[in-house]
Amino acid sequence: MSYLGLAALFVALTLPALAVAVVVRRPSRRWWAATGLTAGCLVVLTAVFDSAMIAADLFRFDEDALAGIHVGLAPIEDFAWPVAAAVLVPSVVLLLSGRRER
């Protein structure tokens, strides 16, 4: 399995939690804004720090398993993990909260 396939699978597994949270709790615009801002910050931080770690030769990727798209030195597949976390964690918190969002 390629890195892109694994990343897509991981992100796809987080989407049902988001769907259930949205249907059950009906989050406010504030929740959406905070979740989007969090995802954006994590993507920027991933681009910066993954590029720094790759430049320092802390790790390498099998180039044959990559899609070939890079942001800085970071392969596009690396951005799936922070996006999945930015979707899954707020969704679970929203589902576990005892009240509805306004």
C-alpha atoms as a PDB file:
ATOM      1  CA  MET A   1       0.000   0.000   0.000  1.00  0.00           C
ATOM      2  CA  SER A   2       1.283   3.464  -0.857  1.00  0.00           C
ATOM      3  CA  TYR A   3       1.582   6.284   1.656  1.00  0.00           C
ATOM      4  CA  LEU A   4      -1.275   8.076  -0.101  1.00  0.00           C
ATOM      5  CA  GLY A   5      -3.548   5.039   0.201  1.00  0.00           C
ATOM      6  CA  LEU A   6      -2.777   4.694   3.891  1.00  0.00           C
ATOM      7  CA  ALA A   7      -3.325   8.405   4.462  1.00  0.00           C
ATOM      8  CA  ALA A   8      -6.640   8.349   2.589  1.00  0.00           C
ATOM      9  CA  LEU A   9      -7.805   5.348   4.606  1.00  0.00           C
ATOM     10  CA  PHE A  10      -6.900   7.064   7.871  1.00  0.00           C
ATOM     11  CA  VAL A  11      -8.739  10.268   6.934  1.00  0.00           C
ATOM     12  CA  ALA A  12     -11.744   8.279   5.681  1.00  0.00           C
ATOM     13  CA  LEU A  13     -12.002   6.552   9.063  1.00  0.00           C
ATOM     14  CA  THR A  14     -12.354   9.929  10.806  1.00  0.00           C
ATOM     15  CA  LEU A  15     -15.200  11.185   8.612  1.00  0.00           C
ATOM     16  CA  PRO A  16     -17.979   9.073  10.213  1.00  0.00           C
ATOM     17  CA  ALA A  17     -17.181  10.627  13.605  1.00  0.00           C
ATOM     18  CA  LEU A  18     -17.506  14.081  12.042  1.00  0.00           C
ATOM     19  CA  ALA A  19     -20.781  13.156  10.353  1.00  0.00           C
ATOM     20  CA  VAL A  20     -22.285  11.784  13.556  1.00  0.00           C
ATOM     21  CA  ALA A  21     -21.125  14.808  15.573  1.00  0.00           C
ATOM     22  CA  VAL A  22     -22.623  17.223  13.054  1.00  0.00           C
ATOM     23  CA  VAL A  23     -25.958  15.412  12.896  1.00  0.00           C
ATOM     24  CA  VAL A  24     -26.292  14.812  16.636  1.00  0.00           C
ATOM     25  CA  ARG A  25     -24.893  18.050  18.077  1.00  0.00           C
ATOM     26  CA  ARG A  26     -25.434  20.610  15.295  1.00  0.00           C
ATOM     27  CA  PRO A  27     -22.236  22.590  15.969  1.00  0.00           C
ATOM     28  CA  SER A  28     -22.202  26.361  15.803  1.00  0.00           C
ATOM     29  CA  ARG A  29     -20.263  28.513  13.366  1.00  0.00           C
ATOM     30  CA  ARG A  30     -17.790  29.144  16.167  1.00  0.00           C
ATOM     31  CA  TRP A  31     -17.038  25.402  16.393  1.00  0.00           C
ATOM     32  CA  TRP A  32     -16.542  25.197  12.637  1.00  0.00           C
ATOM     33  CA  ALA A  33     -14.261  28.249  12.694  1.00  0.00           C
ATOM     34  CA  ALA A  34     -12.181  26.881  15.568  1.00  0.00           C
ATOM     35  CA  THR A  35     -11.912  23.469  13.916  1.00  0.00           C
ATOM     36  CA  GLY A  36     -10.922  25.008  10.572  1.00  0.00           C
ATOM     37  CA  LEU A  37      -8.377  27.315  12.205  1.00  0.00           C
ATOM     38  CA  THR A  38      -6.907  24.378  14.094  1.00  0.00           C
ATOM     39  CA  ALA A  39      -6.616  22.332  10.900  1.00  0.00           C
ATOM     40  CA  GLY A  40      -5.007  25.256   9.084  1.00  0.00           C
ATOM     41  CA  CYS A  41      -2.452  25.818  11.840  1.00  0.00           C
ATOM     42  CA  LEU A  42      -1.593  22.125  11.974  1.00  0.00           C
ATOM     43  CA  VAL A  43      -1.091  22.016   8.204  1.00  0.00           C
ATOM     44  CA  VAL A  44       1.251  25.025   8.306  1.00  0.00           C
ATOM     45  CA  LEU A  45       3.189  23.583  11.239  1.00  0.00           C
ATOM     46  CA  THR A  46       3.439  20.244   9.456  1.00  0.00           C
ATOM     47  CA  ALA A  47       4.851  21.918   6.344  1.00  0.00           C
ATOM     48  CA  VAL A  48       7.444  23.834   8.352  1.00  0.00           C
ATOM     49  CA  PHE A  49       8.586  21.143  10.749  1.00  0.00           C
ATOM     50  CA  ASP A  50       8.417  18.177   8.373  1.00  0.00           C
ATOM     51  CA  SER A  51      10.500  20.157   5.896  1.00  0.00           C
ATOM     52  CA  ALA A  52      13.006  20.961   8.646  1.00  0.00           C
ATOM     53  CA  MET A  53      13.224  17.324   9.760  1.00  0.00           C
ATOM     54  CA  ILE A  54      13.594  16.069   6.189  1.00  0.00           C
ATOM     55  CA  ALA A  55      16.267  18.702   5.493  1.00  0.00           C
ATOM     56  CA  ALA A  56      18.114  17.541   8.637  1.00  0.00           C
ATOM     57  CA  ASP A  57      17.913  13.984   7.230  1.00  0.00           C
ATOM     58  CA  LEU A  58      16.140  12.666  10.332  1.00  0.00           C
ATOM     59  CA  PHE A  59      14.032  10.369   8.172  1.00  0.00           C
ATOM     60  CA  ARG A  60      13.441   9.434   4.562  1.00  0.00           C
ATOM     61  CA  PHE A  61      10.547   8.182   2.494  1.00  0.00           C
ATOM     62  CA  ASP A  62      10.452   5.467  -0.116  1.00  0.00           C
ATOM     63  CA  GLU A  63      10.110   7.695  -3.182  1.00  0.00           C
ATOM     64  CA  ASP A  64       8.329   4.920  -5.109  1.00  0.00           C
ATOM     65  CA  ALA A  65       5.489   4.918  -2.555  1.00  0.00           C
ATOM     66  CA  LEU A  66       4.944   8.697  -2.644  1.00  0.00           C
ATOM     67  CA  ALA A  67       2.462  10.543  -4.849  1.00  0.00           C
ATOM     68  CA  GLY A  68       5.180  12.985  -5.897  1.00  0.00           C
ATOM     69  CA  ILE A  69       3.519  16.187  -4.674  1.00  0.00           C
ATOM     70  CA  HIS A  70       5.492  18.100  -2.043  1.00  0.00           C
ATOM     71  CA  VAL A  71       4.886  21.219   0.038  1.00  0.00           C
ATOM     72  CA  GLY A  72       8.368  22.391   0.816  1.00  0.00           C
ATOM     73  CA  LEU A  73      10.151  19.119   1.417  1.00  0.00           C
ATOM     74  CA  ALA A  74       7.122  17.450   3.013  1.00  0.00           C
ATOM     75  CA  PRO A  75       5.209  14.958   0.865  1.00  0.00           C
ATOM     76  CA  ILE A  76       1.494  15.624   0.545  1.00  0.00           C
ATOM     77  CA  GLU A  77       0.744  12.358   2.353  1.00  0.00           C
ATOM     78  CA  ASP A  78       2.153  13.785   5.591  1.00  0.00           C
ATOM     79  CA  PHE A  79      -0.687  16.287   5.781  1.00  0.00           C
ATOM     80  CA  ALA A  80      -3.331  13.600   6.248  1.00  0.00           C
ATOM     81  CA  TRP A  81      -2.371  12.959   9.880  1.00  0.00           C
ATOM     82  CA  PRO A  82      -2.861  16.519  11.202  1.00  0.00           C
ATOM     83  CA  VAL A  83      -6.047  16.941   9.150  1.00  0.00           C
ATOM     84  CA  ALA A  84      -7.433  13.679  10.517  1.00  0.00           C
ATOM     85  CA  ALA A  85      -6.548  14.723  14.063  1.00  0.00           C
ATOM     86  CA  ALA A  86      -8.117  18.154  13.550  1.00  0.00           C
ATOM     87  CA  VAL A  87     -11.335  16.438  12.421  1.00  0.00           C
ATOM     88  CA  LEU A  88     -11.441  13.520  14.846  1.00  0.00           C
ATOM     89  CA  VAL A  89     -10.531  15.183  18.153  1.00  0.00           C
ATOM     90  CA  PRO A  90     -13.082  18.045  17.994  1.00  0.00           C
ATOM     91  CA  SER A  91     -15.732  15.611  16.739  1.00  0.00           C
ATOM     92  CA  VAL A  92     -15.218  13.264  19.668  1.00  0.00           C
ATOM     93  CA  VAL A  93     -15.176  16.159  22.140  1.00  0.00           C
ATOM     94  CA  LEU A  94     -18.379  17.498  20.621  1.00  0.00           C
ATOM     95  CA  LEU A  95     -20.023  14.084  20.876  1.00  0.00           C
ATOM     96  CA  LEU A  96     -18.907  13.607  24.477  1.00  0.00           C
ATOM     97  CA  SER A  97     -19.976  17.066  25.617  1.00  0.00           C
ATOM     98  CA  GLY A  98     -23.181  17.045  27.609  1.00  0.00           C
ATOM     99  CA  ARG A  99     -24.833  19.984  25.908  1.00  0.00           C
ATOM    100  CA  ARG A 100     -25.792  21.081  22.427  1.00  0.00           C
ATOM    101  CA  GLU A 101     -23.806  23.823  20.729  1.00  0.00           C
ATOM    102  CA  ARG A 102     -25.639  27.107  20.198  1.00  0.00           C
END
